[in-house]
Structure formats: structure tokens, C-alpha cells
């Protein structure tokens, strides 16, 4: 039995054939339709090959037929790689979500509006050339800016409509002409003016949707019954519509006159001139009512050649370059320059201008000029004040940096250094860079200092507080400081910083101690001098008696030796007494003395200490020529040097003293050089660097630190030189002081040098 529901094979084949023919016909119809569509259609498969391109897309993108079904899109158009178009196309291919973008093709120099649509085999691109629209948008923006400048001054009616088709602005004239409709702000344009013509709607849509400006004339019936001259300009928020009643030309002429009068008043009030230059002739035309900003009657400025005569030559080149720029690009330029007025004064002008380009050629320059002399003068005055302020700031900074007292600034929370001057950095013994950012307790861990800072941080002040102690950067040195701390308040009354003034009192304290010691030594010296003076007469009597005893014939031979020894020791006592008197007496004038006399006098004073210390003294005098000096001062220098040498050799050693002729290499002066060398323990580089500083001593309580400092001053007053070299070598250790004293022929020369 046959199944009636089964379709014979030949019938099924016929239906399939008919279906294919119908699909082919639809495909052909669709292809013909796509070929006729004015938009560009481009189909791309998932392998990014172009499978279809209608004539418009081939024209827009310059696609050759050989590229279809063969090359990859990114190979054909490598300039698309990395662009927004590539990223969005790949996104649509992957996510299957349509997309839209506007794209500028640099290769074709055109703007394209592109819709990217997914389909089963890939994506399709619908292309529209919108280059003209983009150009119109640019013109629209320029027009909008120009209209805004005269919006309130114009006698034309002006309204603005946003993209929701709502009135957002009506000027005075617009409100008058449309008064029959009442207050239009916030109302819909088509609801209030439903009778607008198709022409008006067409131009309105072009401006609103495509950004194309339009100028036309149209009639609006009741309730206006007016012929209007209408200008529609696109704006960022919608459109601006300018219109005027051209029913009566008289009213239009009157409105124009009012506009000119208003523009004239504005220009005169604002000291502005508008101008127009015809580039082919250089002729200048000034706007009606322009203010004579250039300091010359406009009749004296007929063209560019006449105008250039009044511009200082150093500014002409820059102006020409800017004018060339706007002639080439059509861009607005802004510049200012000086001009010499008719009365000889210099005026400063700000000029804004733009070239009018037709068919790629600049034919006119249009712009305005503004007198900015007052503004320029103010700017120069401000600049001078700024420079003066900067100079004063630099002066204050210099004073701060070089002040003879320590200055510092701290934060009020962690008490860290914010600023520090050179004097304070020197006092601390670190560079400013090493100090900034560190806390006061880290730099100066002195008892009670943190409590004082807390007091100042709470708003109090500290005056003349005395600190003493040792800094980590100068171990072993007990020092004194007088400090003043004060809070620095901000505009809100809060403490923003702590200011500090620090004066080191170490030298003053040591000077006070040295003064007390000096008074004691002076008293002892006066006592020694008095004793020496008082015992001179008894010593002389005893000397005579010993002489008589020695000369007596009754003197037993066994006592003669004792008498001789007594005479010798008594001679030493007399010599010591004489030297003591000479040390105490202050010379009022320079005297001639040999190096041997100076040195031997000091050695005699230290004869006992030298013997008791086991020090061997060796002297070598290669010169006997006397020099002119203040004998007691130089003897004091030698006394300090020899005493220091003895102190350095407590366990014995050798003291070598030499004197010889020498020449000062600094100035070629002739003189003598005395060297005092010991075999003591020597000095470290740190000690040598500070050995001539006042109050610096290595003898603890046994020294004042003034001996070598005073000695150095004495030598300088004699125009001499005191130097040293020292070593702490394990075997060859010791110190050598070198004293150079120049020769002076007359006492007056030494007195002049000393003064």
C-alpha cells in the first residue's frame, strides 16, 4: 500500500528548485537595491575579508575590485590599525551589538558617519560622507561666536531654541515682535507656532540636526501677519534664530541706525576700534563709531604702509608673522604691540583679527583693536612690585642664611627641623641637608629641651633660657647656649611652627673663666715681681758676703768648694729673679734682641722642670743677628710653645730649638725662623685643625685654650707666621712649631705694621 502523505521524489525536487530560484531572485533584488543605495555598504566576514562593497563604498574608501574576497581588511587599510574604528569593529564582531561612530579618514581627507551592524557571517558597515556637514558645523560655531558678541546690541529679533525645541532666550526685539504669544520662555516652538511653513521646518531641521546655517525669507500668518527675513544658526545647545520685520523697510533702516549708534557707544566706552583690511591693496577701513585707539586720526592711517610707520621696528617682524599665520590658516590671532601716537607717547594695543578666506585665498583681514595702555602700565607696575618683593625676599633669605646667630624653624608636632641657617648648622657640626627632617632631641639631646618645645607648641614662649651640655656631633666638648623659642601662628590661630634663635655662649663662658684665671695669674705675677724686686737687695748683700768669704785667707780649704757652689746657685737665683722682673714689665716700644737671648731666657725659667722631666735640650743658633720686636710679647710666644712641648713629654724626650736666617715665601721678606721640636705624642688631624681656636684645649682643667690663640695674634701683629707639623707615628712622633719673624730696620716700621 502506498502512503498518501509521502510526497513523490520528483515533486519534492521541483519544490526545492522553485525555492532556490525564489531565493536567487530575492538575492538579486537585494543586490540591485544595495547597489542603488546612496550610502556606502561594506560587508566583512569573520575572517575580516571584504565580501561585498557597493559602488558608493568603493568610491568613498577607494576599494579596488581585486581586494574583494581576497585580502584582509587591515592589510588593505593599514592606517586603520590601532584606531577607534578598528577597536569598535572588533567589538561588534565579538559582542554582536551594533555601534555608531564618526571617523576622520586622513588617507581620504574626509569625515565619515559609520553604522556597524552584525549579521550571521560577520559585520556590515553603512558609510555616509559627512565632510560637508562637519564643515558646516565649523562655520556654525564661528557664526555663533560672532552673533553672541552683538546679541544684546542688535536691533534684530533673536531667539534661541534648545534641542528639546524649547525657547531659552528672547531678546528685547523678539519679545516685542512676538508679544501676541505672551511669554515664550520655556515653551515649545511647534506648539506656539504650528502654522510654520514647510520651508521654515526644512531649514530649522537642517540647522538643528545637520548643523547647517540657513538664510531665507518667509511669511507667517495670524497672529503675526509679517514677512520676515530669517537667519537660522546652529549652536551648541540647539539653534539661534535671527529675524527682522521686512514689511516696512523704514523700520529696518531705523533699526540699523540704532544698532550703529549702540555699537559706536560701546566702542567709544570700551575704547575699541573695528577695522577691515583689503589685502590686495592694503586699504584700511575703520568701523563706524570706532575709538581712535592708535593715537592718530583715522585719516592718517589709510593703509598698512602708513600704519607700519608708527610701530617700533622691533615689533614689525612678529606682527607680520602672525598676519601670515591667519592668512594661511584663517585662525583667529591675538597679539599686543606698542604704537607711537601723534603726540609722541607710546600706546599699547591689543589686536584680534582673522583672515577671510575665499577659495583658499585670503582676501580680507577683519578684527578689532583695544587700548590696553592702562592694563600694560598696571602689569609693568605689578611686575616691578613682584621683582621688588623677590629682591626683598632674597635679601631676607640672605640675612637669615648668614645671620651671626643660629636660626631654625621646627614643626610643632614632632619637633623636626624645617629650616636652619648656616650659623646653626655650623654650631651643630652638620650640613643643612643632614639636619633638615631630624628631630631636636636627635640633634641636641639636652635635658629639658623637649619639655620647652611642648610649652612653645601650646602657645607659650621661651626667653633667654641657658642650656649646657654635649652634642653628639662634637663629643667631649661641654658647651653653652642661650636660646629663645617662639610659636608661629597661622591665620586660624593655630601654632604652625616653632621659631628658634640660638646663640652659643661657650666662648663667653670660657672667657669668663679665663678672665678669672688671668686675674689670678696676674696677681701671682705681680706678687712674683714684687718678691723678685724685694729679694734683689738681700741677694746682692749675700753675693758680696760670699765674695768676701771666698777672698779671706782664713777660709779653710775644706769649705772653699762649698762657698763656690753657693756662689753658683746664688747666681742662678739672681738670674731667675731678673728674668721674672723682665717678664712682668710691659715694653712700650720695640727693641733689638737676638734669638739666643729670647730663647735662653725662657729655658732658664723652665730649667728645673726640664731636669725633673728628663728632657734633653739641644739648641742650635745659626744666626746672631738681632731683630726688632716687642721682646716680652715674643718671649710670651716662646714661653707658650716651650711649655706645651714640656707638657707633651711627661715621660722624657728631646727638645730641639733652632734659629736661622729665612725668607717668607708669601712676600719675600727676610727674617729669622725659630723652630721648636719635641718628641712628644703628637697631634691628630682633628686637633691640628682647631689648635689655634680660642678656648680649645687638650689639657682639660689645666688649660684655658688661649695660649696658642694669643700667640698667633702676637705673631700676626709682628707680620710673622706661626705654623706647625705633627705626627703620631709609632716611632717617629712629635710636633714642630715654626716661628718666622721678619726684619724691620726702624721701630717706626714695626709700629706702622702693627697698627
Foldseek 3Di string as FASTA:
>chain_A
DDDPVDDDPVVVVVVVVVVVVVVVVVVVVVVVVQLPDQWWKWDAFPQQQTQDTHPNRCVQVVDDPVRHPDDHPCVVPVVCPPPPVVVVQVVCQVVQDKDWDWDADPVRRFIWTWIWGADDGGIMITIDTLRVLVVLQVVLAVVVVVCVVCVQLALWWKWDAFLVQATQDTHPNVCVLVVVLPDRHGHHPCVSQVPDDPVVVVQQCCCFPSQHKDWDWDAGDPPRRFIKTWIWGHDPGGIMITIDGPPDVVVVVVSVVSSLVSVLVVQQVQQKWKWKAFVVVQAIDIRRNHHPLQQEPVVQPGGPVSQVVFFPPVCPVVVVVVVVVQQQPQDKDWDKGWGQHPVRDIWIKIKIWGFDADPRGGGMIITMIGTCRVVVVVVVVVVVVVVVVVVVVVVVVVCQQPPCWKKFKAFLPQQATQFIHPNVCVVLVHDRVVRGPHHPCLSPVFPPPVVQSNCQQVFDKDAQDKTWDDTPNGPPDIWIKGKIKHFDADPVRHGGMIIMIIHTCRLVVLVVVVVVVVVVVLVVLVVLLVVLVVCLVVLVVVLVVLVVQLVDPPNDPVCNVVSVVVNVVSVLVNLLSVLSNVLNDFDPFWDWDFPCVLQVSLCSNCVVLCVVQAEAEAEEEADGGTATARSNLVSLLNNLVVVVQSVQRSNYWYWYWYKDWDADPVPRFTFMKIKIKTQGQWDDPVCQVCLLPAQDDPPVPVDSRCSNVSNQVRLVLQVKDWDKDFDRDPPRGIMMIMITGGHDDDRVVSVVSND
